[in-house]
């Protein structure tokens, strides 16, 4: 692998290159974010890759992650195989998730806008609709658990009250946007680390964990299920992870963004999921009946319980702001693919966020009675949808286009990427359909999964098949520029030209003679 210089991306798209240099900016972000699906210009870039660590560590040190870890035990794994399986899944899924994050500084775009490169400006609506459903699902499950914490904090015994209060807090922070979400992530990281460390100690003090750890026999089905749970957890971040790295200065290296995101997400998730395994082993039905309340009793009465409930609330608020902010971005990306709009007013931005949160609150109220079963089926199902999308996006970006994107063409169906790209659509649909015989879920178990005793390897099949179809087909047929093409705005016009770049204000020299309205290359 080659060292990436601080002045721009490595031509081979490698992950090597140490800490980023020149990644601090004097840009002063506005109190309320004004950027939406448009590219963030260099004059507004700021921050450091370490902010990715705290955001994703804090977003994963929360109660839903704990519940997911507990599911590995509920679904049959013993303590040791559950923790190992979850670790394997977190690493595998975390690699995909962090590779998406590394696209942010170079492109300066929300994650799903970049999906138009593969699917076409309007064709991207197919995965986008599924992404919106995912955000609503996670936002609603966040509302159920956070609502429990709110009620315990304020002493109210009405689930609707806690869910509504949590929804209001989510909408406010999501409206303020990127900067405030990152700040909340830093708070969640510190608070989550301290409180979860305390709770883990309390588990060993109050219970004989060793007696419970290996009571169930090892089984490959339950082990692979644990891997799938964790991999699915990480992969469901993929459609919005670059939303939170896109403000980093463009000189930020792929390696620094990748490792900051990967380490924060994988370490935070593994700690919380491992804690969930311990809780499921010793808590049994007491935990399943009241997840948040059980943690409060574990912490102890008084201040310790209050701080635990507050930690649950802050952790859930962090990840739910990601869901609501990402949901708003995805709705906007879907709509603007058909009306060619590049950005919207702050007022309309706020209206969409509030509407999205309102829908998620309604779902949370309806789902609270059977939360755990709803959440289990939801997490497992999502993996079948997002593995093929992730494979297509990463394959194209790192191996076909090699980090070269015509950004202006992403906003017009008449540009380089067109309206609908059948290469990606067909590959994506096949990637989903090929999983059906291998699925092993509550609502459906495929024939091959039944023959294997309920073992679900659908995600691995989707990964291999989608790549095998998309890579050679796209490599042969798709047209990409030979360098990055940026909009012609004042920020980019002020940048020094790279060797071989077109004159400022002139058309870039690229492979495609019908190149869309690119005005400047770097």
Protein backbone atom coordinates (compact mmCIF):
# COMPACT_ATOMS: atom_id res chain seq x y z
CA UNK A 1 0.00 0.00 0.00
CA UNK A 2 1.17 3.50 -0.73
CA UNK A 3 1.38 6.50 1.55
CA UNK A 4 -1.31 9.03 0.83
CA UNK A 5 -0.01 12.61 0.78
CA UNK A 6 -1.84 15.18 2.87
CA UNK A 7 -2.53 17.24 -0.23
CA UNK A 8 -5.05 14.86 -1.74
CA UNK A 9 -6.28 11.31 -2.14
CA UNK A 10 -4.01 8.49 -3.15
CA UNK A 11 -4.62 7.44 -6.72
CA UNK A 12 -4.97 3.80 -5.71
CA UNK A 13 -7.55 4.44 -3.00
CA UNK A 14 -5.43 2.66 -0.40
CA UNK A 15 -6.10 2.78 3.31
CA UNK A 16 -2.50 3.44 4.24
CA UNK A 17 -1.22 6.73 5.46
CA UNK A 18 -0.88 7.74 9.08
CA UNK A 19 -2.61 10.52 10.92
CA UNK A 20 -4.07 13.18 8.70
CA UNK A 21 -2.30 16.50 8.45
CA UNK A 22 -3.83 19.86 7.75
CA UNK A 23 -7.23 18.64 8.87
CA UNK A 24 -8.01 21.57 11.11
CA UNK A 25 -9.89 24.51 9.69
CA UNK A 26 -10.66 28.04 10.78
CA UNK A 27 -14.19 27.64 9.42
CA UNK A 28 -16.84 28.68 11.96
CA UNK A 29 -19.91 26.46 11.60
CA UNK A 30 -23.30 28.18 11.90
CA UNK A 31 -25.45 27.60 14.98
CA UNK A 32 -28.08 25.87 12.82
CA UNK A 33 -26.69 23.85 9.95
CA UNK A 34 -27.65 25.12 6.50
CA UNK A 35 -26.18 22.41 4.25
CA UNK A 36 -28.40 19.56 3.14
CA UNK A 37 -27.71 17.31 0.13
CA UNK A 38 -25.38 19.80 -1.56
CA UNK A 39 -21.61 19.39 -1.39
CA UNK A 40 -19.86 21.06 1.54
CA UNK A 41 -17.36 23.57 0.05
CA UNK A 42 -13.81 23.74 1.36
CA UNK A 43 -14.46 27.09 3.06
CA UNK A 44 -16.94 25.36 5.42
CA UNK A 45 -14.90 22.25 6.19
CA UNK A 46 -13.70 21.76 9.77
CA UNK A 47 -13.01 19.14 12.40
CA UNK A 48 -10.65 16.21 13.00
CA UNK A 49 -11.02 12.47 12.36
CA UNK A 50 -11.01 11.76 16.10
CA UNK A 51 -14.51 13.25 16.20
CA UNK A 52 -15.61 10.17 14.25
CA UNK A 53 -14.38 7.99 17.10
CA UNK A 54 -16.38 9.78 19.78
CA UNK A 55 -19.52 10.01 17.64
CA UNK A 56 -19.65 6.31 16.84
CA UNK A 57 -18.42 5.14 20.24
CA UNK A 58 -21.08 7.23 21.96
CA UNK A 59 -23.80 6.23 19.50
CA UNK A 60 -23.18 2.55 20.24
CA UNK A 61 -22.79 2.69 24.01
CA UNK A 62 -26.54 2.55 24.46
CA UNK A 63 -29.41 0.32 25.46
CA UNK A 64 -30.41 -0.96 22.00
CA UNK A 65 -26.88 -2.26 21.52
CA UNK A 66 -27.16 -4.01 24.87
CA UNK A 67 -30.47 -5.59 23.79
CA UNK A 68 -28.88 -6.80 20.55
CA UNK A 69 -26.07 -8.49 22.50
CA UNK A 70 -28.67 -10.08 24.75
CA UNK A 71 -30.46 -11.47 21.70
CA UNK A 72 -27.42 -13.65 20.94
CA UNK A 73 -28.03 -15.48 24.22
CA UNK A 74 -31.82 -15.49 23.84
CA UNK A 75 -31.37 -17.14 20.45
CA UNK A 76 -29.32 -19.98 21.94
CA UNK A 77 -25.63 -19.05 22.26
CA UNK A 78 -23.71 -19.59 25.48
CA UNK A 79 -21.79 -16.67 26.95
CA UNK A 80 -18.41 -17.37 25.37
CA UNK A 81 -19.63 -18.18 21.87
CA UNK A 82 -21.98 -15.17 21.97
CA UNK A 83 -19.19 -12.73 22.80
CA UNK A 84 -16.80 -14.22 20.24
CA UNK A 85 -19.48 -14.36 17.55
CA UNK A 86 -20.48 -10.75 18.21
CA UNK A 87 -16.83 -9.69 17.99
CA UNK A 88 -16.40 -11.40 14.62
CA UNK A 89 -19.57 -9.79 13.31
CA UNK A 90 -18.60 -6.35 14.57
CA UNK A 91 -15.22 -6.49 12.86
CA UNK A 92 -16.65 -7.74 9.56
CA UNK A 93 -19.52 -5.26 9.52
CA UNK A 94 -17.32 -2.47 10.87
CA UNK A 95 -14.97 -2.75 7.89
CA UNK A 96 -17.82 -2.08 5.48
CA UNK A 97 -19.25 0.70 7.63
CA UNK A 98 -15.92 2.52 8.02
CA UNK A 99 -15.12 2.25 4.30
CA UNK A 100 -18.32 4.19 3.65
CA UNK A 101 -17.30 6.79 6.23
CA UNK A 102 -13.97 7.30 4.46
CA UNK A 103 -15.85 8.61 1.40
CA UNK A 104 -17.09 11.66 3.31
CA UNK A 105 -14.07 14.01 3.32
CA UNK A 106 -13.24 13.43 -0.35
CA UNK A 107 -16.79 13.88 -1.65
CA UNK A 108 -18.25 16.29 0.90
CA UNK A 109 -21.63 14.67 0.24
CA UNK A 110 -24.26 12.77 2.23
CA UNK A 111 -23.87 9.03 1.84
CA UNK A 112 -26.96 8.31 -0.23
CA UNK A 113 -26.31 11.10 -2.74
CA UNK A 114 -23.14 9.26 -3.68
CA UNK A 115 -25.32 6.19 -4.34
CA UNK A 116 -26.53 7.99 -7.48
CA UNK A 117 -23.15 7.19 -9.04
CA UNK A 118 -24.08 3.51 -9.11
CA UNK A 119 -27.90 3.54 -9.37
CA UNK A 120 -28.52 6.71 -11.37
CA UNK A 121 -30.06 9.95 -10.14
CA UNK A 122 -33.57 8.47 -10.02
CA UNK A 123 -32.69 4.80 -9.82
CA UNK A 124 -31.17 5.44 -6.39
CA UNK A 125 -34.75 5.80 -5.12
CA UNK A 126 -35.01 1.98 -4.90
CA UNK A 127 -32.52 1.52 -2.04
CA UNK A 128 -33.45 4.95 -0.67
CA UNK A 129 -37.02 3.90 0.10
CA UNK A 130 -35.72 0.89 2.00
CA UNK A 131 -33.27 3.13 3.88
CA UNK A 132 -36.13 5.41 4.96
CA UNK A 133 -37.96 2.38 6.36
CA UNK A 134 -34.81 1.41 8.22
CA UNK A 135 -34.46 4.84 9.80
CA UNK A 136 -38.08 4.82 10.90
CA UNK A 137 -37.62 1.37 12.41
CA UNK A 138 -34.56 2.30 14.42
CA UNK A 139 -36.01 5.67 15.44
CA UNK A 140 -39.16 3.99 16.72
CA UNK A 141 -37.28 1.33 18.69
CA UNK A 142 -35.13 4.11 20.16
CA UNK A 143 -38.30 5.85 21.26
CA UNK A 144 -39.55 2.78 23.13
CA UNK A 145 -36.41 2.35 25.24
CA UNK A 146 -35.63 6.04 25.70
CA UNK A 147 -39.24 6.61 26.66
CA UNK A 148 -38.77 4.13 29.51
CA UNK A 149 -35.73 6.10 30.70
CA UNK A 150 -37.54 9.45 30.51
CA UNK A 151 -40.46 8.10 32.53
CA UNK A 152 -38.14 6.74 35.21
CA UNK A 153 -36.30 10.06 35.42
CA UNK A 154 -39.43 12.19 35.78
CA UNK A 155 -41.44 9.63 37.75
CA UNK A 156 -44.27 9.11 35.28
CA UNK A 157 -45.84 5.73 34.49
CA UNK A 158 -47.24 6.48 31.04
CA UNK A 159 -45.15 5.16 28.10
CA UNK A 160 -46.60 7.73 25.70
CA UNK A 161 -45.28 10.64 27.78
CA UNK A 162 -41.66 9.47 27.72
CA UNK A 163 -41.80 8.68 24.00
CA UNK A 164 -43.22 12.13 23.20
CA UNK A 165 -40.60 13.98 25.28
CA UNK A 166 -37.84 11.97 23.65
CA UNK A 167 -39.26 12.77 20.21
CA UNK A 168 -39.17 16.51 20.92
CA UNK A 169 -35.54 16.36 22.10
CA UNK A 170 -34.58 14.38 19.00
CA UNK A 171 -36.23 16.84 16.62
CA UNK A 172 -34.57 19.87 18.21
CA UNK A 173 -31.02 18.50 18.04
CA UNK A 174 -31.50 17.07 14.54
CA UNK A 175 -32.69 20.49 13.35
CA UNK A 176 -29.57 22.15 14.78
CA UNK A 177 -27.64 19.53 12.84
CA UNK A 178 -24.17 18.14 12.30
CA UNK A 179 -22.16 20.16 14.82
CA UNK A 180 -24.54 19.51 17.70
CA UNK A 181 -24.88 15.83 16.93
CA UNK A 182 -21.10 15.47 17.16
CA UNK A 183 -21.10 17.38 20.47
CA UNK A 184 -23.76 15.04 21.82
CA UNK A 185 -21.63 12.09 20.73
CA UNK A 186 -18.73 13.35 22.83
CA UNK A 187 -20.96 13.61 25.88
CA UNK A 188 -22.37 10.14 25.25
CA UNK A 189 -18.86 8.70 24.93
CA UNK A 190 -17.67 9.96 28.32
CA UNK A 191 -20.91 9.26 30.17
CA UNK A 192 -21.42 5.88 28.50
CA UNK A 193 -17.91 4.64 29.18
CA UNK A 194 -18.06 5.52 32.88
CA UNK A 195 -21.57 4.19 33.54
CA UNK A 196 -21.21 0.99 31.52
CA UNK A 197 -17.91 0.21 33.28
CA UNK A 198 -19.71 0.64 36.60
CA UNK A 199 -22.62 -1.57 35.52
CA UNK A 200 -20.31 -4.34 34.30
CA UNK A 201 -18.61 -4.36 37.70
CA UNK A 202 -22.02 -4.53 39.38
CA UNK A 203 -22.97 -7.59 37.31
CA UNK A 204 -19.97 -9.50 38.66
CA UNK A 205 -20.51 -8.22 42.19
CA UNK A 206 -24.21 -9.11 42.35
CA UNK A 207 -24.31 -12.33 40.30
CA UNK A 208 -22.31 -15.53 39.84
CA UNK A 209 -21.55 -14.91 36.16
CA UNK A 210 -19.16 -17.85 35.90
CA UNK A 211 -21.91 -20.34 36.78
CA UNK A 212 -24.05 -19.07 33.91
CA UNK A 213 -21.42 -18.46 31.28
CA UNK A 214 -21.16 -21.90 29.68
CA UNK A 215 -24.46 -23.50 30.69
CA UNK A 216 -25.67 -23.78 27.09
CA UNK A 217 -23.72 -26.04 24.69
CA UNK A 218 -21.87 -24.59 21.74
CA UNK A 219 -23.79 -24.63 18.48
CA UNK A 220 -22.84 -23.36 15.04
CA UNK A 221 -26.33 -22.05 14.35
CA UNK A 222 -26.38 -19.85 17.45
CA UNK A 223 -22.76 -18.77 16.87
CA UNK A 224 -23.43 -17.67 13.27
CA UNK A 225 -26.59 -15.94 14.48
CA UNK A 226 -24.45 -13.89 16.87
CA UNK A 227 -22.10 -13.00 14.00
CA UNK A 228 -25.09 -12.00 11.87
CA UNK A 229 -26.61 -9.83 14.61
CA UNK A 230 -23.41 -7.81 15.04
CA UNK A 231 -22.59 -7.59 11.33
CA UNK A 232 -26.14 -6.44 10.64
CA UNK A 233 -25.88 -3.83 13.38
CA UNK A 234 -22.75 -2.32 11.82
CA UNK A 235 -24.02 -2.58 8.26
CA UNK A 236 -27.18 -0.63 8.99
CA UNK A 237 -25.01 2.42 9.69
CA UNK A 238 -23.56 2.24 6.18
CA UNK A 239 -26.27 4.25 4.38
CA UNK A 240 -25.64 7.34 6.52
CA UNK A 241 -22.17 7.09 8.04
CA UNK A 242 -20.56 9.52 5.54
CA UNK A 243 -23.16 12.15 6.49
CA UNK A 244 -21.06 12.68 9.62
CA UNK A 245 -17.62 12.78 8.00
CA UNK A 246 -18.47 15.02 5.04
CA UNK A 247 -17.46 18.25 6.80
CA UNK A 248 -13.90 17.04 7.41
CA UNK A 249 -11.32 18.91 5.30
CA UNK A 250 -10.72 17.25 1.95
CA UNK A 251 -7.05 16.68 2.85
CA UNK A 252 -8.13 14.20 5.53
CA UNK A 253 -6.73 10.80 4.63
CA UNK A 254 -8.84 7.75 3.94
CA UNK A 255 -6.85 5.88 6.60
CA UNK A 256 -7.49 8.38 9.40
CA UNK A 257 -11.22 8.53 8.71
CA UNK A 258 -11.47 4.75 8.35
CA UNK A 259 -9.66 3.85 11.56
CA UNK A 260 -11.32 6.55 13.68
CA UNK A 261 -14.76 5.41 12.58
CA UNK A 262 -13.97 1.68 12.71
CA UNK A 263 -12.41 1.76 16.18
CA UNK A 264 -15.13 3.94 17.68
CA UNK A 265 -17.98 1.88 16.30
CA UNK A 266 -16.50 -1.58 16.86
CA UNK A 267 -15.13 -0.96 20.35
CA UNK A 268 -18.24 0.84 21.58
CA UNK A 269 -20.55 -1.79 20.12
CA UNK A 270 -18.56 -4.74 21.43
CA UNK A 271 -18.49 -3.38 24.97
CA UNK A 272 -22.24 -2.75 24.99
CA UNK A 273 -23.12 -6.07 23.31
CA UNK A 274 -20.86 -8.05 25.64
CA UNK A 275 -22.60 -6.37 28.56
CA UNK A 276 -25.89 -7.42 26.98
CA UNK A 277 -24.68 -11.02 26.92
CA UNK A 278 -23.92 -10.89 30.65
CA UNK A 279 -27.26 -9.27 31.42
CA UNK A 280 -29.18 -11.90 29.45
CA UNK A 281 -27.33 -14.70 31.25
CA UNK A 282 -28.03 -13.43 34.76
CA UNK A 283 -31.17 -11.34 34.30
CA UNK A 284 -33.44 -13.73 32.47
CA UNK A 285 -37.06 -12.67 32.28
CA UNK A 286 -36.47 -9.75 34.66
CA UNK A 287 -34.37 -8.08 31.98
CA UNK A 288 -36.63 -9.07 29.10
CA UNK A 289 -39.70 -7.62 30.80
CA UNK A 290 -38.15 -4.22 31.58
CA UNK A 291 -34.75 -3.58 30.01
CA UNK A 292 -34.19 -0.02 31.28
CA UNK A 293 -35.66 -0.66 34.70
CA UNK A 294 -33.40 -3.68 35.17
CA UNK A 295 -30.31 -1.53 34.53
CA UNK A 296 -31.50 0.99 37.13
CA UNK A 297 -31.91 -1.75 39.76
CA UNK A 298 -28.51 -3.12 38.84
CA UNK A 299 -26.95 0.30 39.39
CA UNK A 300 -28.63 0.73 42.77
CA UNK A 301 -31.11 3.17 44.19
CA UNK A 302 -30.86 6.96 44.27
CA UNK A 303 -28.20 8.84 42.35
CA UNK A 304 -26.67 5.77 40.70
CA UNK A 305 -30.00 4.75 39.18
CA UNK A 306 -30.73 8.33 38.08
CA UNK A 307 -27.37 8.61 36.32
CA UNK A 308 -27.95 5.24 34.65
CA UNK A 309 -31.32 6.37 33.30
CA UNK A 310 -29.73 9.62 32.14
CA UNK A 311 -27.02 7.66 30.35
CA UNK A 312 -29.63 5.54 28.60
CA UNK A 313 -31.39 8.74 27.51
CA UNK A 314 -28.22 10.45 26.24
CA UNK A 315 -27.06 7.35 24.36
CA UNK A 316 -30.43 6.85 22.73
CA UNK A 317 -30.70 10.55 21.94
CA UNK A 318 -27.34 10.43 20.15
CA UNK A 319 -28.22 7.52 17.90
CA UNK A 320 -31.78 8.71 17.34
CA UNK A 321 -30.52 12.08 16.13
CA UNK A 322 -28.42 10.14 13.63
CA UNK A 323 -31.53 8.27 12.52
CA UNK A 324 -33.67 11.40 12.20
CA UNK A 325 -30.97 13.46 10.51
CA UNK A 326 -30.17 10.59 8.16
CA UNK A 327 -33.88 10.01 7.54
CA UNK A 328 -34.34 13.63 6.56
CA UNK A 329 -31.34 13.44 4.21
CA UNK A 330 -32.67 10.28 2.61
CA UNK A 331 -36.17 11.66 2.09
CA UNK A 332 -34.65 14.76 0.50
CA UNK A 333 -32.32 12.70 -1.69
CA UNK A 334 -35.26 10.65 -2.93
CA UNK A 335 -37.47 13.63 -3.75
CA UNK A 336 -34.78 15.78 -5.36
CA UNK A 337 -33.87 12.96 -7.71
CA UNK A 338 -37.12 13.74 -9.51
CA UNK A 339 -37.25 17.54 -9.28
CA UNK A 340 -33.50 18.28 -9.78
CA UNK A 341 -33.28 20.41 -6.62
CA UNK A 342 -29.85 20.68 -4.97
CA UNK A 343 -30.79 22.16 -1.59
CA UNK A 344 -33.76 23.42 0.41
CA UNK A 345 -34.51 26.21 2.87
CA UNK A 346 -33.88 25.82 6.60
CA UNK A 347 -37.63 26.09 7.17
CA UNK A 348 -38.42 23.18 4.88
CA UNK A 349 -35.50 21.25 6.37
CA UNK A 350 -37.03 21.65 9.84
CA UNK A 351 -40.50 20.65 8.61
CA UNK A 352 -39.20 17.40 7.10
CA UNK A 353 -37.27 16.52 10.27
CA UNK A 354 -40.28 17.18 12.51
CA UNK A 355 -42.54 15.12 10.22
CA UNK A 356 -40.07 12.23 10.21
CA UNK A 357 -39.76 12.26 14.02
CA UNK A 358 -43.55 12.45 14.38
CA UNK A 359 -44.01 9.30 12.28
CA UNK A 360 -41.34 7.45 14.28
CA UNK A 361 -43.08 8.45 17.54
CA UNK A 362 -46.36 7.00 16.33
CA UNK A 363 -44.62 3.75 15.39
CA UNK A 364 -42.90 3.65 18.80
CA UNK A 365 -46.21 3.99 20.61
CA UNK A 366 -47.70 1.17 18.55
CA UNK A 367 -44.67 -1.13 18.91
CA UNK A 368 -43.93 -0.73 22.62
CA UNK A 369 -46.08 -3.69 23.73
CA UNK A 370 -43.99 -6.25 21.85
CA UNK A 371 -40.71 -4.41 21.49
CA UNK A 372 -38.15 -7.20 21.78
CA UNK A 373 -39.73 -9.46 19.17
CA UNK A 374 -40.22 -6.49 16.84
CA UNK A 375 -36.60 -5.41 17.24
CA UNK A 376 -35.15 -8.90 16.70
CA UNK A 377 -36.98 -9.45 13.44
CA UNK A 378 -36.23 -5.94 12.29
CA UNK A 379 -32.45 -6.16 12.75
CA UNK A 380 -32.14 -9.55 11.06
CA UNK A 381 -34.29 -8.52 8.11
CA UNK A 382 -32.34 -5.34 7.40
CA UNK A 383 -29.13 -7.17 6.66
CA UNK A 384 -30.72 -8.84 3.63
CA UNK A 385 -31.43 -5.42 2.15
CA UNK A 386 -28.22 -3.52 2.84
CA UNK A 387 -25.44 -5.99 2.13
CA UNK A 388 -26.05 -5.81 -1.67
CA UNK A 389 -26.25 -2.00 -1.60
CA UNK A 390 -23.05 -1.71 0.40
CA UNK A 391 -21.17 -4.10 -1.87
CA UNK A 392 -22.23 -2.15 -4.98
CA UNK A 393 -21.34 1.24 -3.50
CA UNK A 394 -17.94 0.21 -2.14
CA UNK A 395 -16.97 -1.86 -5.18
CA UNK A 396 -17.71 1.03 -7.49
CA UNK A 397 -16.02 3.69 -5.37
CA UNK A 398 -12.81 1.87 -4.49
CA UNK A 399 -12.29 -0.53 -7.40
CA UNK A 400 -14.04 0.89 -10.48
CA UNK A 401 -14.27 4.68 -10.27
CA UNK A 402 -11.29 4.67 -7.85
CA UNK A 403 -12.53 7.62 -5.80
CA UNK A 404 -13.27 9.76 -8.87
CA UNK A 405 -16.78 11.22 -9.01
CA UNK A 406 -18.42 13.84 -11.24
CA UNK A 407 -20.25 15.69 -8.46
CA UNK A 408 -22.30 18.09 -10.65
CA UNK A 409 -23.64 15.08 -12.59
CA UNK A 410 -25.19 13.71 -9.38
CA UNK A 411 -27.89 16.35 -9.54
CA UNK A 412 -29.21 15.90 -13.07
CA UNK A 413 -30.61 12.77 -14.74
CA UNK A 414 -29.23 14.08 -18.04
CA UNK A 415 -25.64 13.88 -16.80
CA UNK A 416 -23.00 11.19 -16.81
CA UNK A 417 -24.82 8.90 -14.37
CA UNK A 418 -28.18 9.12 -16.08
CA UNK A 419 -31.63 8.58 -14.65
CA UNK A 420 -31.56 4.81 -13.96
CA UNK A 421 -28.56 2.48 -14.07
CA UNK A 422 -29.76 -1.06 -14.73
CA UNK A 423 -26.34 -2.51 -13.96
CA UNK A 424 -26.69 -1.56 -10.29
CA UNK A 425 -30.46 -2.14 -10.10
CA UNK A 426 -30.26 -5.68 -11.49
CA UNK A 427 -27.23 -6.54 -9.34
CA UNK A 428 -28.99 -5.16 -6.26
CA UNK A 429 -32.23 -7.07 -6.84
CA UNK A 430 -30.36 -10.32 -7.50
CA UNK A 431 -28.30 -9.70 -4.36
CA UNK A 432 -31.53 -9.60 -2.36
CA UNK A 433 -33.32 -12.48 -4.07
CA UNK A 434 -30.37 -14.86 -3.83
CA UNK A 435 -30.62 -14.66 -0.04
CA UNK A 436 -34.19 -15.99 0.18
CA UNK A 437 -33.32 -19.73 0.28
CA UNK A 438 -30.71 -19.02 2.99
CA UNK A 439 -32.84 -16.84 5.29
CA UNK A 440 -33.75 -18.20 8.71
CA UNK A 441 -36.13 -15.82 10.44
CA UNK A 442 -39.34 -15.89 12.43
CA UNK A 443 -41.58 -15.08 9.49
CA UNK A 444 -39.76 -17.18 6.91
CA UNK A 445 -37.11 -19.88 6.76
CA UNK A 446 -35.68 -20.80 3.37
CA UNK A 447 -35.25 -24.41 2.24
CA UNK A 448 -31.45 -24.33 2.35
CA UNK A 449 -31.50 -22.78 5.83
CA UNK A 450 -33.88 -25.54 6.98
CA UNK A 451 -31.55 -28.19 5.55
CA UNK A 452 -28.69 -26.63 7.54
CA UNK A 453 -30.62 -26.75 10.80
CA UNK A 454 -31.68 -23.10 10.76
CA UNK A 455 -28.23 -21.69 9.96
CA UNK A 456 -28.56 -18.27 8.27
CA UNK A 457 -25.66 -17.44 5.94
CA UNK A 458 -27.72 -15.28 3.59
CA UNK A 459 -25.57 -12.19 4.17
CA UNK A 460 -22.38 -14.00 3.13
CA UNK A 461 -24.07 -15.35 0.00
CA UNK A 462 -25.30 -11.85 -0.88
CA UNK A 463 -21.82 -10.39 -0.46
CA UNK A 464 -20.19 -12.88 -2.83
CA UNK A 465 -22.95 -13.00 -5.45
CA UNK A 466 -23.49 -9.24 -5.63
CA UNK A 467 -19.79 -8.57 -6.11
CA UNK A 468 -19.48 -11.34 -8.71
CA UNK A 469 -22.30 -9.84 -10.77
CA UNK A 470 -21.69 -6.12 -10.34
CA UNK A 471 -17.90 -5.81 -10.60
CA UNK A 472 -17.27 -7.31 -14.08
CA UNK A 473 -20.47 -5.84 -15.52
CA UNK A 474 -19.86 -2.34 -14.20
CA UNK A 475 -16.15 -2.46 -15.05
CA UNK A 476 -17.04 -3.19 -18.65
CA UNK A 477 -19.95 -0.81 -19.18
CA UNK A 478 -19.90 2.21 -16.84
CA UNK A 479 -18.18 5.49 -17.68
CA UNK A 480 -16.31 7.35 -14.95
CA UNK A 481 -14.18 10.52 -15.05
CA UNK A 482 -10.42 10.21 -14.87
CA UNK A 483 -10.30 12.62 -11.93
CA UNK A 484 -12.58 14.20 -9.33
CA UNK A 485 -14.89 16.86 -10.77
CA UNK A 486 -16.20 19.52 -8.40
CA UNK A 487 -18.77 22.30 -8.78
CA UNK A 488 -17.47 25.65 -9.93
CA UNK A 489 -17.92 27.70 -6.76
CA UNK A 490 -15.73 30.32 -5.13
CA UNK A 491 -14.28 27.88 -2.62
CA UNK A 492 -13.01 25.47 -5.24
CA UNK A 493 -12.04 28.15 -7.72
CA UNK A 494 -9.62 29.49 -5.11
CA UNK A 495 -7.82 26.16 -4.84
CA UNK A 496 -4.53 25.56 -6.65
CA UNK A 497 -4.97 23.43 -9.75
CA UNK A 498 -3.59 19.94 -9.90
CA UNK A 499 -1.44 18.87 -12.77
CA UNK A 500 -3.54 18.26 -15.84
CA UNK A 501 -6.60 20.09 -14.49
CA UNK A 502 -8.75 22.14 -16.77
CA UNK A 503 -8.36 25.93 -16.60
CA UNK A 504 -10.53 27.61 -14.00
CA UNK A 505 -13.98 28.22 -15.41
CA UNK A 506 -13.41 25.76 -18.25
CA UNK A 507 -14.68 22.26 -18.92
CA UNK A 508 -12.71 19.46 -17.33
CA UNK A 509 -10.90 17.02 -19.54
CA UNK A 510 -12.41 13.63 -18.76
CA UNK A 511 -13.02 10.32 -20.43
CA UNK A 512 -16.62 11.11 -21.30
CA UNK A 513 -16.86 13.52 -24.27
CA UNK A 514 -20.41 14.34 -23.21
CA UNK A 515 -19.29 15.29 -19.73
CA UNK A 516 -21.95 17.14 -17.81
CA UNK A 517 -21.53 20.62 -16.51
CA UNK A 518 -18.24 20.17 -14.71
CA UNK A 519 -16.34 23.39 -14.46
CA UNK A 520 -13.22 22.52 -12.52
CA UNK A 521 -11.19 19.42 -11.71
CA UNK A 522 -8.65 18.70 -9.05
